[in-house]
Amino acid sequence: MSNSDIVAIDQAVAAAHEVSRQWAESGVSVRAGLLDAFADALENNQADLIALADQETHLGVPRLTGEVARTAFQLRGFADEVRNGEPYRRVDDPAVAGAPPAGRPALSRVQQPLGPVAMFSASNFPFAFSVLGGDTASALAAGCPVVVKAHSGHPQLSKAVHAVAQKVLSDLNLPAGLLGLVEGASRAAGMHLVTHPQIAAVAFTGSFQGGTALWKAANERARPIPFFGELGSINPLLALPGILERDAEGLATTLASSITMGTGQFCTSPGVILLFEHPASDRFISQLSTALRPRTTHPMLTNGMRQGFEAGVAHLSACNRARAVFEPLPDGEGPAPRLFEIDTDAFIADAALREEMFGPAAVILKLRSVEHAVAVLDAIGGSLTATLWGLDEDTEDNRTIVRAARQVAGRVLFAGVPTGVAVCHAQEHGGPWPASTRPDTTSVGYAALQRFLRPVALQDAPSWAL
C-alpha cells in the first residue's frame, strides 16, 4: 500500500467523521431528499455510466440498464423508509408509580446511528453493490456517512458515479464528506480502512478469503466494530422426482439459464443440484445437459476470477469422486458451462468438494433418502439460498426437508431460481456462516438500514432530549 493510499483513506475517513454528528441529527426531508436526488442523478447520467460500466465489466447494456433501474429503485425505497420514520422509530414506556417489577421509570428506546461506515464494493454488481448501491443507501438512510472502497474491477465507473454523487451533494449544499471514495487494490488498503479508529462499521460483499481477513481485523481492533459481510454461497437446489416427471424440460431450461446468468458470477447462482435416485432424475440430468452445454457466456469480470474458476474446474476434473456429466464445448468469449456429478458421501466428507466455483458451473448429487438430503444440507452449512422444487404437499418428509433448509439458508424458495433478489421489506439476503458474518441481518431489502443503528434507552429524559 502506497503512502498516497494511506493519506487518501485517512482524509476520507476524517471527512466522514467530521460530518457524522450533523448527518445523525439530520431531518427527514434532508435525508430522504438526498437519496431521491442520487436516484435522479443516476438515471440522468445512465447512458454515459452504462457505456463505461460495459467497457470495464463486459456485463452488457441490457443487464447494466436493469441494474441502474434497480439501484435507483432502492435509493428511492430507502428515501421512503426515511419518510415513514424508520430510522427515527421510538418506543415509549411511561413511568408507573411504585417499586419494580410493577413500577418503573419513564423509558424511551431510540435508535442511534453507528457513525462512519466503510463500504466495500462488489465486483459483480457495479451499480447495485457499489458507490450508490444498497449498502450506501441503507447507511445514509440510517444517518451514517459512508466511505466507499472502490472495486478494482470497475475503478473508472466508481470514480464517475462518485463524481455524479458529489455534484448532487454540492447542489444540495451538503458536505462532500457524506460520501467518500478510496481506491487501492491491495489487501493492506482494505485493512487500513477497516482498522481506522474513526470507522464505526463495515459493509462487505466479496470473497470468503478476503472477507474473513477483514472480519478478523474488525474484531481484533482495540474497540471491535460490526462487520456485515457477505462471503459467498453455493446455493443448493433440491428437486423431487414428482415435479421432474411433470415438467423436466421447462425446469431444465430455467435452471440452465440461472447457472449461466452473468457467466455464473452471482452470489445466488445455484451451484449444487440435489436429486433423488429415480428415473425422472436421470432424465432431468440429460435434459439439463442438453439445455446447459450449448450456452455461451460473456467474459468474466476479472482475470483473477477466471483463474479461480478454472482452478475449481481443474480440481473437480482431477478428482476420482467426481465426473463430468458432459464434454464442454470450446470456450468462447467466456468459459463454457460445466456440469459435474459428485459422489454424495464424498461431498459430505470432504470440504474441498464443497467450495464455491464462481462461474457457469454446478454439481449434481444423488440422494438415497430424505435423511441423506438432510445430511448434505447440514454439510453445506450456511447458504444465502436453498431452493426446493416439488414440496407442495404437507408430508412429514417435506417438513423435514424444509426444516433442514431453513436451518442453513437465509432465503428458502419453493419455486423459481435463486438468481434475482427482490428489494422489499420481507427480503433476507444473508445466512449462517460462511454465507455471511451476521445471519441476523440482510444486505438487500429495507431492513438493511437496521444494521447501522443501535438501540439506546433514555430513562426519565427531559423533553428536549427526545
Protein backbone atom coordinates (compact mmCIF):
# COMPACT_ATOMS: atom_id res chain seq x y z
CA MET A 1 0.00 0.00 0.00
CA SER A 2 1.42 3.37 -1.03
CA ASN A 3 1.65 6.44 1.19
CA SER A 4 -0.83 8.16 -1.12
CA ASP A 5 -3.37 5.38 -0.45
CA ILE A 6 -2.92 5.84 3.30
CA VAL A 7 -3.34 9.60 3.02
CA ALA A 8 -6.44 9.27 0.83
CA ILE A 9 -8.08 6.82 3.24
CA ASP A 10 -7.26 8.95 6.27
CA GLN A 11 -8.64 12.06 4.59
CA ALA A 12 -11.88 10.38 3.51
CA VAL A 13 -12.48 8.89 6.95
CA ALA A 14 -11.69 12.20 8.66
CA ALA A 15 -14.18 13.99 6.39
CA ALA A 16 -16.86 11.38 7.16
CA HIS A 17 -16.18 11.62 10.88
CA GLU A 18 -16.42 15.42 10.75
CA VAL A 19 -19.95 15.32 9.33
CA SER A 20 -21.09 12.28 11.32
CA ARG A 21 -22.96 14.15 14.06
CA GLN A 22 -24.59 16.51 11.57
CA TRP A 23 -25.90 13.63 9.48
CA ALA A 24 -27.02 11.60 12.50
CA GLU A 25 -29.17 14.57 13.55
CA SER A 26 -30.44 15.32 10.03
CA GLY A 27 -34.18 15.54 9.48
CA VAL A 28 -36.48 13.55 7.26
CA SER A 29 -36.64 15.97 4.34
CA VAL A 30 -32.87 16.41 4.09
CA ARG A 31 -32.06 12.72 4.34
CA ALA A 32 -34.82 11.49 2.02
CA GLY A 33 -34.17 14.35 -0.38
CA LEU A 34 -30.55 13.31 -0.80
CA LEU A 35 -31.44 9.71 -1.60
CA ASP A 36 -34.07 10.78 -4.13
CA ALA A 37 -31.59 13.18 -5.73
CA PHE A 38 -29.00 10.42 -6.03
CA ALA A 39 -31.58 8.26 -7.83
CA ASP A 40 -32.47 11.08 -10.23
CA ALA A 41 -28.82 11.83 -10.99
CA LEU A 42 -28.02 8.19 -11.62
CA GLU A 43 -30.84 7.92 -14.14
CA ASN A 44 -29.99 11.26 -15.77
CA ASN A 45 -26.41 10.10 -16.37
CA GLN A 46 -27.12 6.46 -17.09
CA ALA A 47 -26.17 6.43 -20.79
CA ASP A 48 -22.58 7.50 -20.14
CA LEU A 49 -22.28 5.45 -16.96
CA ILE A 50 -23.60 2.27 -18.57
CA ALA A 51 -21.20 2.63 -21.52
CA LEU A 52 -18.30 2.96 -19.09
CA ALA A 53 -19.53 0.06 -16.98
CA ASP A 54 -19.76 -2.21 -20.02
CA GLN A 55 -16.18 -1.37 -21.03
CA GLU A 56 -14.91 -2.41 -17.61
CA THR A 57 -17.17 -5.37 -16.76
CA HIS A 58 -18.44 -6.83 -20.11
CA LEU A 59 -21.83 -7.35 -18.46
CA GLY A 60 -23.75 -5.95 -21.43
CA VAL A 61 -26.00 -2.95 -21.84
CA PRO A 62 -29.33 -4.76 -21.13
CA ARG A 63 -28.09 -6.21 -17.85
CA LEU A 64 -26.48 -2.93 -16.77
CA THR A 65 -29.59 -0.93 -17.72
CA GLY A 66 -31.64 -3.16 -15.45
CA GLU A 67 -29.11 -2.76 -12.69
CA VAL A 68 -29.29 1.04 -12.86
CA ALA A 69 -33.07 0.79 -12.59
CA ARG A 70 -32.73 -1.45 -9.53
CA THR A 71 -30.21 0.90 -7.93
CA ALA A 72 -32.43 3.95 -8.43
CA PHE A 73 -35.42 1.97 -7.16
CA GLN A 74 -33.72 1.03 -3.91
CA LEU A 75 -32.39 4.56 -3.36
CA ARG A 76 -35.96 5.86 -3.60
CA GLY A 77 -37.17 2.97 -1.47
CA PHE A 78 -34.81 3.91 1.35
CA ALA A 79 -35.93 7.53 0.95
CA ASP A 80 -39.48 6.30 1.58
CA GLU A 81 -38.27 4.40 4.65
CA VAL A 82 -36.87 7.67 5.98
CA ARG A 83 -40.15 9.47 5.27
CA ASN A 84 -42.00 6.65 7.05
CA GLY A 85 -39.85 7.32 10.12
CA GLU A 86 -37.98 4.02 10.29
CA PRO A 87 -34.59 5.45 11.33
CA TYR A 88 -36.30 7.66 13.91
CA ARG A 89 -38.53 4.96 15.40
CA ARG A 90 -39.10 5.36 19.15
CA VAL A 91 -40.75 3.08 21.72
CA ASP A 92 -42.08 4.77 24.86
CA ASP A 93 -42.94 3.20 28.18
CA PRO A 94 -44.40 5.86 30.52
CA ALA A 95 -43.48 5.87 34.16
CA VAL A 96 -45.50 3.69 36.52
CA ALA A 97 -45.54 4.58 40.20
CA GLY A 98 -44.30 2.04 42.69
CA ALA A 99 -41.42 -0.34 43.09
CA PRO A 100 -40.28 -2.86 40.45
CA PRO A 101 -41.40 -5.10 38.91
CA ALA A 102 -44.78 -3.35 38.60
CA GLY A 103 -43.37 0.14 38.90
CA ARG A 104 -40.80 1.66 36.54
CA PRO A 105 -39.26 4.92 35.42
CA ALA A 106 -40.16 6.53 32.10
CA LEU A 107 -38.19 4.85 29.32
CA SER A 108 -37.84 5.67 25.63
CA ARG A 109 -35.98 3.32 23.31
CA VAL A 110 -34.46 5.28 20.41
CA GLN A 111 -32.12 4.39 17.55
CA GLN A 112 -28.61 5.80 17.35
CA PRO A 113 -26.66 5.85 14.03
CA LEU A 114 -23.36 3.99 14.41
CA GLY A 115 -21.16 6.54 12.63
CA PRO A 116 -18.95 6.38 9.51
CA VAL A 117 -19.40 3.14 7.56
CA ALA A 118 -16.69 1.58 5.38
CA MET A 119 -18.40 0.04 2.35
CA PHE A 120 -16.57 -2.46 0.13
CA SER A 121 -17.95 -2.53 -3.41
CA ALA A 122 -18.69 -5.84 -5.12
CA SER A 123 -17.24 -6.82 -8.48
CA ASN A 124 -20.36 -8.40 -9.96
CA PHE A 125 -22.83 -5.53 -9.38
CA PRO A 126 -21.01 -2.34 -10.42
CA PHE A 127 -24.09 -0.21 -9.66
CA ALA A 128 -26.31 -2.05 -7.16
CA PHE A 129 -23.48 -3.08 -4.80
CA SER A 130 -21.12 -0.20 -5.42
CA VAL A 131 -20.81 3.55 -4.86
CA LEU A 132 -24.55 4.31 -4.75
CA GLY A 133 -25.66 0.75 -4.09
CA GLY A 134 -27.76 -0.78 -1.35
CA ASP A 135 -25.15 -0.58 1.42
CA THR A 136 -24.58 3.12 0.75
CA ALA A 137 -28.31 3.84 0.53
CA SER A 138 -29.16 1.98 3.73
CA ALA A 139 -26.28 3.50 5.71
CA LEU A 140 -27.16 7.04 4.61
CA ALA A 141 -30.82 6.37 5.39
CA ALA A 142 -29.80 5.27 8.87
CA GLY A 143 -27.88 8.50 9.39
CA CYS A 144 -24.32 7.30 8.76
CA PRO A 145 -21.75 8.81 6.37
CA VAL A 146 -20.09 6.31 4.02
CA VAL A 147 -16.55 5.76 2.80
CA VAL A 148 -16.67 3.55 -0.29
CA LYS A 149 -13.77 1.23 -1.10
CA ALA A 150 -13.85 1.10 -4.92
CA HIS A 151 -13.53 -2.31 -6.55
CA SER A 152 -10.55 -2.83 -8.82
CA GLY A 153 -12.84 -4.45 -11.40
CA HIS A 154 -14.53 -1.14 -12.29
CA PRO A 155 -12.39 1.75 -11.00
CA GLN A 156 -13.30 4.30 -13.68
CA LEU A 157 -17.01 3.69 -13.23
CA SER A 158 -16.62 4.10 -9.46
CA LYS A 159 -14.94 7.47 -9.97
CA ALA A 160 -17.63 8.58 -12.42
CA VAL A 161 -20.53 7.61 -10.15
CA HIS A 162 -18.80 9.26 -7.21
CA ALA A 163 -18.42 12.45 -9.25
CA VAL A 164 -22.15 12.38 -10.02
CA ALA A 165 -22.87 11.93 -6.31
CA GLN A 166 -20.54 14.77 -5.32
CA LYS A 167 -22.34 17.14 -7.68
CA VAL A 168 -25.62 16.22 -6.00
CA LEU A 169 -24.14 16.93 -2.58
CA SER A 170 -22.85 20.28 -3.80
CA ASP A 171 -26.18 21.22 -5.37
CA LEU A 172 -27.94 20.44 -2.08
CA ASN A 173 -25.35 22.33 -0.02
CA LEU A 174 -24.43 19.15 1.84
CA PRO A 175 -20.86 18.28 2.88
CA ALA A 176 -18.74 16.22 0.47
CA GLY A 177 -17.63 14.02 3.38
CA LEU A 178 -21.01 12.29 3.46
CA LEU A 179 -19.82 10.03 0.65
CA GLY A 180 -16.10 9.40 0.27
CA LEU A 181 -14.33 7.21 -2.26
CA VAL A 182 -10.97 5.48 -1.74
CA GLU A 183 -9.01 3.19 -4.02
CA GLY A 184 -6.08 0.80 -3.65
CA ALA A 185 -6.42 -2.78 -4.80
CA SER A 186 -4.15 -4.19 -2.08
CA ARG A 187 -5.49 -6.05 0.93
CA ALA A 188 -3.42 -3.70 3.07
CA ALA A 189 -5.54 -0.76 1.91
CA GLY A 190 -8.68 -2.59 2.96
CA MET A 191 -7.12 -3.44 6.31
CA HIS A 192 -6.17 0.18 6.89
CA LEU A 193 -9.74 1.28 6.22
CA VAL A 194 -11.31 -1.39 8.46
CA THR A 195 -8.94 -0.72 11.34
CA HIS A 196 -9.17 3.09 11.16
CA PRO A 197 -10.31 4.20 14.64
CA GLN A 198 -12.96 6.54 13.23
CA ILE A 199 -14.72 3.83 11.20
CA ALA A 200 -17.75 2.55 13.14
CA ALA A 201 -18.97 -0.33 10.96
CA VAL A 202 -18.12 -2.23 7.78
CA ALA A 203 -20.34 -3.50 4.94
CA PHE A 204 -18.58 -6.02 2.71
CA THR A 205 -19.55 -8.11 -0.31
CA GLY A 206 -16.82 -10.27 -1.79
CA SER A 207 -14.72 -13.39 -1.48
CA PHE A 208 -14.58 -15.66 1.55
CA GLN A 209 -10.81 -15.29 1.91
CA GLY A 210 -10.75 -11.51 1.67
CA GLY A 211 -13.86 -11.05 3.77
CA THR A 212 -12.67 -13.37 6.52
CA ALA A 213 -9.38 -11.49 6.84
CA LEU A 214 -11.17 -8.15 7.14
CA TRP A 215 -13.75 -9.59 9.56
CA LYS A 216 -10.97 -10.79 11.83
CA ALA A 217 -9.32 -7.38 11.66
CA ALA A 218 -12.59 -5.67 12.62
CA ASN A 219 -12.91 -7.95 15.64
CA GLU A 220 -9.28 -7.61 16.70
CA ARG A 221 -9.41 -3.80 16.96
CA ALA A 222 -8.98 -2.26 20.40
CA ARG A 223 -12.68 -1.47 20.06
CA PRO A 224 -14.23 -4.13 17.78
CA ILE A 225 -16.85 -2.90 15.31
CA PRO A 226 -19.74 -4.60 13.49
CA PHE A 227 -18.69 -6.29 10.24
CA PHE A 228 -21.60 -7.04 7.95
CA GLY A 229 -20.02 -9.37 5.40
CA GLU A 230 -21.47 -11.43 2.57
CA LEU A 231 -18.81 -14.03 1.88
CA GLY A 232 -20.17 -16.46 -0.71
CA SER A 233 -22.61 -19.31 -1.12
CA ILE A 234 -23.17 -22.49 -3.14
CA ASN A 235 -26.99 -22.29 -3.00
CA PRO A 236 -28.33 -25.87 -3.07
CA LEU A 237 -31.37 -26.66 -5.23
CA LEU A 238 -33.35 -29.83 -4.45
CA ALA A 239 -35.96 -31.27 -6.80
CA LEU A 240 -38.35 -34.12 -6.00
CA PRO A 241 -39.00 -36.75 -8.70
CA GLY A 242 -42.67 -35.82 -8.96
CA ILE A 243 -42.11 -32.29 -10.25
CA LEU A 244 -39.40 -33.55 -12.63
CA GLU A 245 -41.88 -36.00 -14.11
CA ARG A 246 -44.33 -33.15 -14.75
CA ASP A 247 -42.05 -30.54 -16.33
CA ALA A 248 -38.46 -31.69 -16.62
CA GLU A 249 -37.74 -29.85 -19.86
CA GLY A 250 -39.04 -26.50 -18.67
CA LEU A 251 -37.25 -26.78 -15.34
CA ALA A 252 -34.01 -27.79 -17.05
CA THR A 253 -34.14 -24.72 -19.30
CA THR A 254 -34.88 -22.46 -16.33
CA LEU A 255 -32.04 -23.93 -14.30
CA ALA A 256 -29.55 -23.73 -17.17
CA SER A 257 -30.37 -20.03 -17.57
CA SER A 258 -29.83 -19.43 -13.87
CA ILE A 259 -26.49 -21.28 -13.78
CA THR A 260 -25.11 -19.25 -16.69
CA MET A 261 -26.71 -15.88 -15.90
CA GLY A 262 -23.98 -13.27 -15.75
CA THR A 263 -21.46 -16.03 -16.57
CA GLY A 264 -22.38 -17.57 -13.24
CA GLN A 265 -20.97 -14.61 -11.33
CA PHE A 266 -23.92 -14.17 -8.96
CA CYS A 267 -23.70 -14.85 -5.24
CA THR A 268 -27.05 -16.66 -5.55
CA SER A 269 -26.13 -18.84 -8.55
CA PRO A 270 -27.37 -22.42 -7.95
CA GLY A 271 -24.18 -24.43 -7.51
CA VAL A 272 -25.39 -27.76 -6.05
CA ILE A 273 -28.30 -29.73 -7.51
CA LEU A 274 -29.78 -32.42 -5.24
CA LEU A 275 -31.75 -35.19 -6.96
CA PHE A 276 -33.16 -38.39 -5.55
CA GLU A 277 -32.19 -41.69 -7.15
CA HIS A 278 -35.07 -42.12 -9.60
CA PRO A 279 -35.55 -42.50 -13.38
CA ALA A 280 -37.06 -38.99 -13.51
CA SER A 281 -33.84 -37.59 -12.05
CA ASP A 282 -31.76 -39.36 -14.68
CA ARG A 283 -33.93 -37.93 -17.45
CA PHE A 284 -33.66 -34.48 -15.90
CA ILE A 285 -29.86 -34.67 -15.87
CA SER A 286 -29.94 -35.48 -19.57
CA GLN A 287 -32.28 -32.57 -20.30
CA LEU A 288 -30.25 -30.18 -18.15
CA SER A 289 -27.12 -31.20 -20.06
CA THR A 290 -28.88 -30.54 -23.35
CA ALA A 291 -30.02 -27.11 -22.15
CA LEU A 292 -26.73 -26.12 -20.49
CA ARG A 293 -23.95 -27.37 -22.78
CA PRO A 294 -24.52 -25.07 -25.82
CA ARG A 295 -24.99 -21.86 -23.84
CA THR A 296 -22.46 -19.12 -24.44
CA THR A 297 -21.14 -16.74 -21.81
CA HIS A 298 -19.51 -13.32 -21.80
CA PRO A 299 -16.01 -12.69 -20.39
CA MET A 300 -15.64 -12.95 -16.64
CA LEU A 301 -15.27 -9.78 -14.61
CA THR A 302 -11.56 -10.11 -13.89
CA ASN A 303 -8.65 -12.33 -14.86
CA GLY A 304 -8.42 -13.40 -11.23
CA MET A 305 -11.99 -14.67 -11.27
CA ARG A 306 -11.38 -16.56 -14.48
CA GLN A 307 -8.29 -18.17 -12.98
CA GLY A 308 -10.23 -19.09 -9.84
CA PHE A 309 -12.99 -20.68 -11.89
CA GLU A 310 -10.53 -22.66 -13.99
CA ALA A 311 -8.78 -23.86 -10.84
CA GLY A 312 -12.09 -25.10 -9.43
CA VAL A 313 -12.92 -26.91 -12.67
CA ALA A 314 -9.45 -28.49 -12.75
CA HIS A 315 -9.82 -29.66 -9.15
CA LEU A 316 -13.08 -31.49 -9.87
CA SER A 317 -11.79 -32.83 -13.18
CA ALA A 318 -8.87 -34.45 -11.36
CA CYS A 319 -10.98 -35.84 -8.51
CA ASN A 320 -11.78 -39.55 -8.70
CA ARG A 321 -15.05 -39.00 -6.81
CA ALA A 322 -16.35 -36.59 -9.45
CA ARG A 323 -17.12 -36.93 -13.15
CA ALA A 324 -18.01 -34.51 -15.89
CA VAL A 325 -21.60 -35.05 -16.98
CA PHE A 326 -20.81 -33.83 -20.49
CA GLU A 327 -17.78 -32.81 -22.54
CA PRO A 328 -17.83 -29.00 -22.59
CA LEU A 329 -17.70 -27.10 -25.84
CA PRO A 330 -14.63 -24.95 -26.52
CA ASP A 331 -14.55 -21.72 -24.56
CA GLY A 332 -15.82 -18.62 -26.33
CA GLU A 333 -15.54 -15.09 -25.00
CA GLY A 334 -16.32 -16.57 -21.61
CA PRO A 335 -15.84 -20.07 -20.20
CA ALA A 336 -18.04 -22.88 -21.46
CA PRO A 337 -20.58 -24.18 -18.90
CA ARG A 338 -19.58 -27.19 -16.82
CA LEU A 339 -21.65 -29.80 -15.02
CA PHE A 340 -20.21 -32.44 -12.69
CA GLU A 341 -21.68 -35.32 -10.72
CA ILE A 342 -20.00 -35.92 -7.35
CA ASP A 343 -20.32 -38.92 -5.07
CA THR A 344 -22.64 -37.67 -2.36
CA ASP A 345 -20.90 -39.28 0.59
CA ALA A 346 -17.56 -37.88 -0.59
CA PHE A 347 -19.19 -34.42 -0.87
CA ILE A 348 -20.38 -34.69 2.72
CA ALA A 349 -16.97 -35.84 3.98
CA ASP A 350 -14.64 -33.56 2.01
CA ALA A 351 -14.92 -29.79 2.48
CA ALA A 352 -12.76 -29.22 -0.63
CA LEU A 353 -15.61 -30.61 -2.76
CA ARG A 354 -17.98 -28.03 -1.30
CA GLU A 355 -16.00 -24.94 -2.31
CA GLU A 356 -17.78 -22.36 -4.45
CA MET A 357 -16.99 -22.33 -8.18
CA PHE A 358 -17.75 -18.70 -9.03
CA GLY A 359 -18.70 -19.13 -12.65
CA PRO A 360 -21.02 -21.06 -15.01
CA ALA A 361 -20.83 -24.45 -13.31
CA ALA A 362 -22.81 -26.69 -10.99
CA VAL A 363 -22.50 -30.10 -9.38
CA ILE A 364 -25.12 -32.82 -9.09
CA LEU A 365 -25.56 -35.08 -6.06
CA LYS A 366 -27.73 -38.20 -5.94
CA LEU A 367 -29.74 -38.78 -2.75
CA ARG A 368 -30.78 -42.14 -1.33
CA SER A 369 -33.29 -40.79 1.19
CA VAL A 370 -34.63 -37.72 2.94
CA GLU A 371 -32.08 -38.32 5.69
CA HIS A 372 -29.36 -38.25 3.04
CA ALA A 373 -30.68 -34.87 1.85
CA VAL A 374 -30.60 -33.50 5.40
CA ALA A 375 -27.00 -34.70 5.77
CA VAL A 376 -25.99 -32.86 2.59
CA LEU A 377 -27.67 -29.62 3.67
CA ASP A 378 -26.02 -29.88 7.06
CA ALA A 379 -22.62 -30.40 5.43
CA ILE A 380 -23.12 -27.37 3.16
CA GLY A 381 -23.82 -25.25 6.22
CA GLY A 382 -24.62 -21.58 5.76
CA SER A 383 -26.03 -20.55 2.39
CA LEU A 384 -27.69 -17.44 1.06
CA THR A 385 -30.44 -19.56 -0.50
CA ALA A 386 -31.88 -23.04 -0.67
CA THR A 387 -34.36 -23.89 -3.43
CA LEU A 388 -36.90 -26.70 -3.02
CA TRP A 389 -38.88 -27.85 -6.05
CA GLY A 390 -41.96 -30.05 -5.74
CA LEU A 391 -42.66 -29.84 -1.99
CA ASP A 392 -46.28 -28.82 -2.45
CA GLU A 393 -47.84 -31.46 -0.20
CA ASP A 394 -47.83 -31.37 3.59
CA THR A 395 -45.93 -34.56 4.40
CA GLU A 396 -43.50 -35.40 7.17
CA ASP A 397 -40.70 -35.89 4.63
CA ASN A 398 -41.34 -32.47 3.11
CA ARG A 399 -41.45 -30.86 6.54
CA THR A 400 -38.13 -32.49 7.37
CA ILE A 401 -36.51 -31.11 4.21
CA VAL A 402 -37.93 -27.62 4.77
CA ARG A 403 -36.77 -27.66 8.37
CA ALA A 404 -33.24 -28.54 7.27
CA ALA A 405 -33.26 -25.86 4.56
CA ARG A 406 -34.44 -23.16 6.97
CA GLN A 407 -31.65 -24.16 9.34
CA VAL A 408 -28.90 -23.35 6.80
CA ALA A 409 -30.30 -20.73 4.41
CA GLY A 410 -31.28 -17.09 4.62
CA ARG A 411 -33.89 -17.44 1.86
CA VAL A 412 -35.80 -20.64 1.04
CA LEU A 413 -37.51 -20.79 -2.36
CA PHE A 414 -40.33 -23.18 -3.25
CA ALA A 415 -40.48 -22.14 -6.92
CA GLY A 416 -38.25 -20.42 -9.43
CA VAL A 417 -34.49 -20.00 -9.14
CA PRO A 418 -32.40 -18.08 -6.61
CA THR A 419 -30.81 -15.61 -9.04
CA GLY A 420 -32.72 -12.36 -8.82
CA VAL A 421 -33.13 -10.78 -5.37
CA ALA A 422 -36.16 -8.54 -4.87
CA VAL A 423 -35.71 -5.28 -2.95
CA CYS A 424 -38.60 -5.19 -0.46
CA HIS A 425 -39.40 -5.34 3.24
CA ALA A 426 -39.58 -9.14 3.56
CA GLN A 427 -36.30 -9.88 1.80
CA GLU A 428 -33.45 -11.67 3.57
CA HIS A 429 -30.08 -11.67 1.84
CA GLY A 430 -27.72 -13.28 4.29
CA GLY A 431 -27.39 -16.61 6.02
CA PRO A 432 -25.41 -18.59 8.58
CA TRP A 433 -21.62 -18.74 8.29
CA PRO A 434 -19.96 -18.90 5.80
CA ALA A 435 -22.65 -17.16 3.72
CA SER A 436 -22.43 -14.09 5.94
CA THR A 437 -20.86 -12.89 9.16
CA ARG A 438 -24.16 -11.64 10.58
CA PRO A 439 -27.05 -14.01 9.79
CA ASP A 440 -29.40 -11.81 11.83
CA THR A 441 -29.17 -9.04 9.21
CA THR A 442 -29.74 -8.57 5.48
CA SER A 443 -27.80 -6.65 2.85
CA VAL A 444 -30.77 -6.42 0.44
CA GLY A 445 -34.18 -5.03 1.30
CA TYR A 446 -35.31 -2.23 3.54
CA ALA A 447 -34.45 -4.00 6.78
CA ALA A 448 -30.81 -3.40 5.76
CA LEU A 449 -30.79 0.06 7.34
CA GLN A 450 -31.21 -1.55 10.79
CA ARG A 451 -27.60 -2.76 10.51
CA PHE A 452 -26.32 0.76 11.03
CA LEU A 453 -28.46 1.70 14.02
CA ARG A 454 -28.10 0.64 17.65
CA PRO A 455 -30.75 0.97 20.35
CA VAL A 456 -30.35 3.40 23.23
CA ALA A 457 -32.77 3.55 26.18
CA LEU A 458 -33.33 7.07 27.55
CA GLN A 459 -34.59 6.95 31.13
CA ASP A 460 -36.51 9.86 32.67
CA ALA A 461 -35.24 12.04 29.81
CA PRO A 462 -36.25 15.70 29.57
CA SER A 463 -38.45 16.53 26.61
CA TRP A 464 -35.68 18.28 24.69
CA ALA A 465 -33.63 15.06 24.66
CA LEU A 466 -36.46 13.20 22.97
